[in-house]
Amino acid sequence: MFKEKLIELAQEKNLPEQKLARLLIFVDNFMFLPTKWENILKIRLARKITKIKEMTITQSNRDLAEIFYKNAFGILPQEMAEKMYAERIKEEKKAATQKLAEEKKKMAAEKKAAEEKAAERKVAEEKKATEKIIKKSVLAFHSIGLSAEDIAAKLELDLEIVKQILTKKRQ
């Protein structure tokens, strides 16, 4: 790659740090590569250029760079970072709120299911108790000699139910 070769030649010629720094700025700003190759170059240069300890960048250089950056991207890196951070916090809050709402919904559903199950159990117990009372009443009336028809009439039951109870008693 041409950019990389240019930096290597500058290092081999022992170019002073100040000139090497300017060359890096030139190479970075005025010679464009596809993004993939630009990223590869940056990684390679980061490994190779360990010699430069200080790169003098004046406030006017920074101001100019910010103007170029803002014109190119519409926002400064710091502003972009702050915006991205605020968006991430907002998304995290939204996700947490959503999770809390889902948990509340789940708990409400579990509570409702438990209440329904308890109600069903209560109805089943009441039905069983009622059947037990009916059975005892039928057997009590039968023990004093009443017929199945008379027992059904007195207890206001279907004759078939009374007959089933009496048949089960015999078995």
Protein backbone atom coordinates (compact mmCIF):
# COMPACT_ATOMS: atom_id res chain seq x y z
CA MET A 1 0.00 0.00 0.00
CA PHE A 2 1.28 3.38 -1.02
CA LYS A 3 0.53 5.14 2.27
CA GLU A 4 2.31 2.49 4.30
CA LYS A 5 5.31 2.50 1.95
CA LEU A 6 5.55 6.29 2.22
CA ILE A 7 5.70 6.11 6.03
CA GLU A 8 8.28 3.30 5.91
CA LEU A 9 10.54 5.31 3.58
CA ALA A 10 10.23 8.36 5.83
CA GLN A 11 11.29 6.25 8.83
CA GLU A 12 14.19 4.69 6.92
CA LYS A 13 15.45 8.17 5.97
CA ASN A 14 15.28 9.15 9.67
CA LEU A 15 12.87 11.96 8.96
CA PRO A 16 12.62 14.26 12.02
CA GLU A 17 9.58 13.63 14.24
CA GLN A 18 7.98 16.97 13.35
CA LYS A 19 8.17 16.23 9.62
CA LEU A 20 7.01 12.64 10.15
CA ALA A 21 4.02 13.97 12.10
CA ARG A 22 3.17 16.36 9.25
CA LEU A 23 3.58 13.55 6.74
CA LEU A 24 1.14 11.41 8.75
CA ILE A 25 -1.41 14.23 8.75
CA PHE A 26 -0.94 14.68 4.99
CA VAL A 27 -1.25 10.98 4.31
CA ASP A 28 -4.32 10.69 6.53
CA ASN A 29 -6.15 13.76 5.20
CA PHE A 30 -5.29 13.93 1.54
CA MET A 31 -4.82 10.37 0.36
CA PHE A 32 -8.00 8.33 0.54
CA LEU A 33 -8.36 4.55 0.58
CA PRO A 34 -11.42 2.32 0.82
CA THR A 35 -12.52 1.93 4.44
CA LYS A 36 -11.29 -1.66 4.68
CA TRP A 37 -7.77 -0.73 3.56
CA GLU A 38 -7.78 2.44 5.65
CA ASN A 39 -8.48 0.36 8.77
CA ILE A 40 -5.73 -2.13 7.90
CA LEU A 41 -3.31 0.77 7.38
CA LYS A 42 -4.17 2.29 10.75
CA ILE A 43 -3.50 -1.01 12.51
CA ARG A 44 -0.15 -1.45 10.74
CA LEU A 45 0.91 2.14 11.36
CA ALA A 46 0.04 1.87 15.03
CA ARG A 47 2.48 -1.05 15.28
CA LYS A 48 5.24 0.62 13.26
CA ILE A 49 5.18 4.15 14.57
CA THR A 50 6.34 3.88 18.13
CA LYS A 51 9.16 6.37 17.67
CA ILE A 52 7.04 9.52 17.88
CA LYS A 53 6.67 10.43 21.51
CA GLU A 54 5.06 13.82 21.06
CA MET A 55 3.13 15.23 18.21
CA THR A 56 2.66 18.98 18.52
CA ILE A 57 -0.86 19.92 17.62
CA THR A 58 -1.80 23.54 18.20
CA GLN A 59 -5.20 24.79 19.26
CA SER A 60 -5.71 26.23 15.79
CA ASN A 61 -5.01 22.73 14.34
CA ARG A 62 -7.67 21.32 16.67
CA ASP A 63 -10.14 24.08 15.81
CA LEU A 64 -9.60 23.54 12.10
CA ALA A 65 -9.96 19.77 12.50
CA GLU A 66 -13.23 20.28 14.41
CA ILE A 67 -14.56 22.56 11.64
CA PHE A 68 -13.68 19.96 8.98
CA TYR A 69 -15.15 17.16 11.07
CA LYS A 70 -18.36 19.04 11.79
CA ASN A 71 -18.75 19.97 8.11
CA ALA A 72 -18.15 16.35 7.09
CA PHE A 73 -20.32 14.61 9.72
CA GLY A 74 -22.59 17.37 11.06
CA ILE A 75 -21.53 16.73 14.64
CA LEU A 76 -18.32 16.73 16.65
CA PRO A 77 -16.94 13.44 18.02
CA GLN A 78 -17.55 14.49 21.64
CA GLU A 79 -21.11 15.52 20.85
CA MET A 80 -21.63 12.25 18.99
CA ALA A 81 -20.27 10.27 21.92
CA GLU A 82 -22.54 12.15 24.34
CA LYS A 83 -25.53 11.61 22.05
CA MET A 84 -24.76 7.89 21.71
CA TYR A 85 -24.32 7.60 25.49
CA ALA A 86 -27.66 9.35 26.10
CA GLU A 87 -29.35 7.07 23.55
CA ARG A 88 -27.83 3.99 25.17
CA ILE A 89 -29.03 5.11 28.61
CA LYS A 90 -32.47 5.78 27.14
CA GLU A 91 -32.56 2.32 25.52
CA GLU A 92 -31.39 0.67 28.74
CA LYS A 93 -34.11 2.47 30.70
CA LYS A 94 -36.68 1.47 28.09
CA ALA A 95 -35.51 -2.15 28.22
CA ALA A 96 -35.58 -2.12 32.03
CA THR A 97 -39.08 -0.62 32.03
CA GLN A 98 -40.22 -3.19 29.49
CA LYS A 99 -38.72 -6.02 31.53
CA LEU A 100 -40.38 -4.72 34.69
CA ALA A 101 -43.73 -4.47 32.89
CA GLU A 102 -43.33 -8.02 31.57
CA GLU A 103 -42.45 -9.28 35.05
CA LYS A 104 -45.48 -7.50 36.52
CA LYS A 105 -47.67 -8.98 33.79
CA LYS A 106 -46.22 -12.44 34.42
CA MET A 107 -46.73 -12.10 38.18
CA ALA A 108 -50.32 -10.93 37.62
CA ALA A 109 -50.95 -13.90 35.32
CA GLU A 110 -49.43 -16.30 37.86
CA LYS A 111 -51.52 -14.74 40.64
CA LYS A 112 -54.66 -14.99 38.52
CA ALA A 113 -53.88 -18.61 37.66
CA ALA A 114 -53.30 -19.41 41.34
CA GLU A 115 -56.56 -17.71 42.29
CA GLU A 116 -58.44 -19.61 39.58
CA LYS A 117 -56.89 -22.87 40.70
CA ALA A 118 -57.82 -22.12 44.31
CA ALA A 119 -61.38 -21.26 43.23
CA GLU A 120 -61.60 -24.49 41.23
CA ARG A 121 -60.29 -26.44 44.21
CA LYS A 122 -62.86 -24.76 46.46
CA VAL A 123 -65.68 -25.54 44.03
CA ALA A 124 -64.50 -29.16 43.78
CA GLU A 125 -64.33 -29.45 47.58
CA GLU A 126 -67.80 -27.93 47.94
CA LYS A 127 -69.14 -30.27 45.27
CA LYS A 128 -67.56 -33.25 47.02
CA ALA A 129 -68.97 -32.13 50.39
CA THR A 130 -72.42 -31.64 48.83
CA GLU A 131 -72.26 -35.09 47.22
CA LYS A 132 -71.24 -36.57 50.56
CA ILE A 133 -74.19 -34.90 52.31
CA ILE A 134 -76.57 -36.06 49.60
CA LYS A 135 -75.22 -39.61 49.82
CA LYS A 136 -75.59 -39.66 53.62
CA SER A 137 -79.13 -38.24 53.35
CA VAL A 138 -80.14 -40.79 50.70
CA LEU A 139 -78.72 -43.65 52.79
CA ALA A 140 -80.35 -42.32 55.95
CA PHE A 141 -83.78 -42.12 54.30
CA HIS A 142 -83.27 -45.56 52.76
CA SER A 143 -82.35 -47.01 56.16
CA ILE A 144 -85.71 -45.89 57.57
CA GLY A 145 -87.49 -47.67 54.73
CA LEU A 146 -88.26 -45.00 52.17
CA SER A 147 -88.26 -46.03 48.52
CA ALA A 148 -85.95 -44.50 45.91
CA GLU A 149 -88.86 -42.49 44.44
CA ASP A 150 -89.81 -41.08 47.86
CA ILE A 151 -86.18 -40.18 48.63
CA ALA A 152 -85.82 -38.41 45.25
CA ALA A 153 -89.02 -36.45 45.90
CA LYS A 154 -88.04 -35.46 49.50
CA LEU A 155 -84.49 -34.40 48.54
CA GLU A 156 -85.58 -32.92 45.18
CA LEU A 157 -83.09 -35.14 43.33
CA ASP A 158 -83.22 -36.95 40.05
CA LEU A 159 -84.41 -40.53 40.55
CA GLU A 160 -81.40 -41.89 38.60
CA ILE A 161 -78.95 -40.21 41.02
CA VAL A 162 -80.72 -41.76 44.01
CA LYS A 163 -80.66 -45.19 42.32
CA GLN A 164 -76.90 -44.83 41.59
CA ILE A 165 -76.20 -44.02 45.25
CA LEU A 166 -78.22 -46.98 46.45
CA THR A 167 -76.57 -49.30 43.89
CA LYS A 168 -73.09 -48.25 45.01
CA LYS A 169 -74.07 -48.94 48.64
CA ARG A 170 -74.97 -52.50 47.76
CA GLN A 171 -71.64 -53.14 46.04
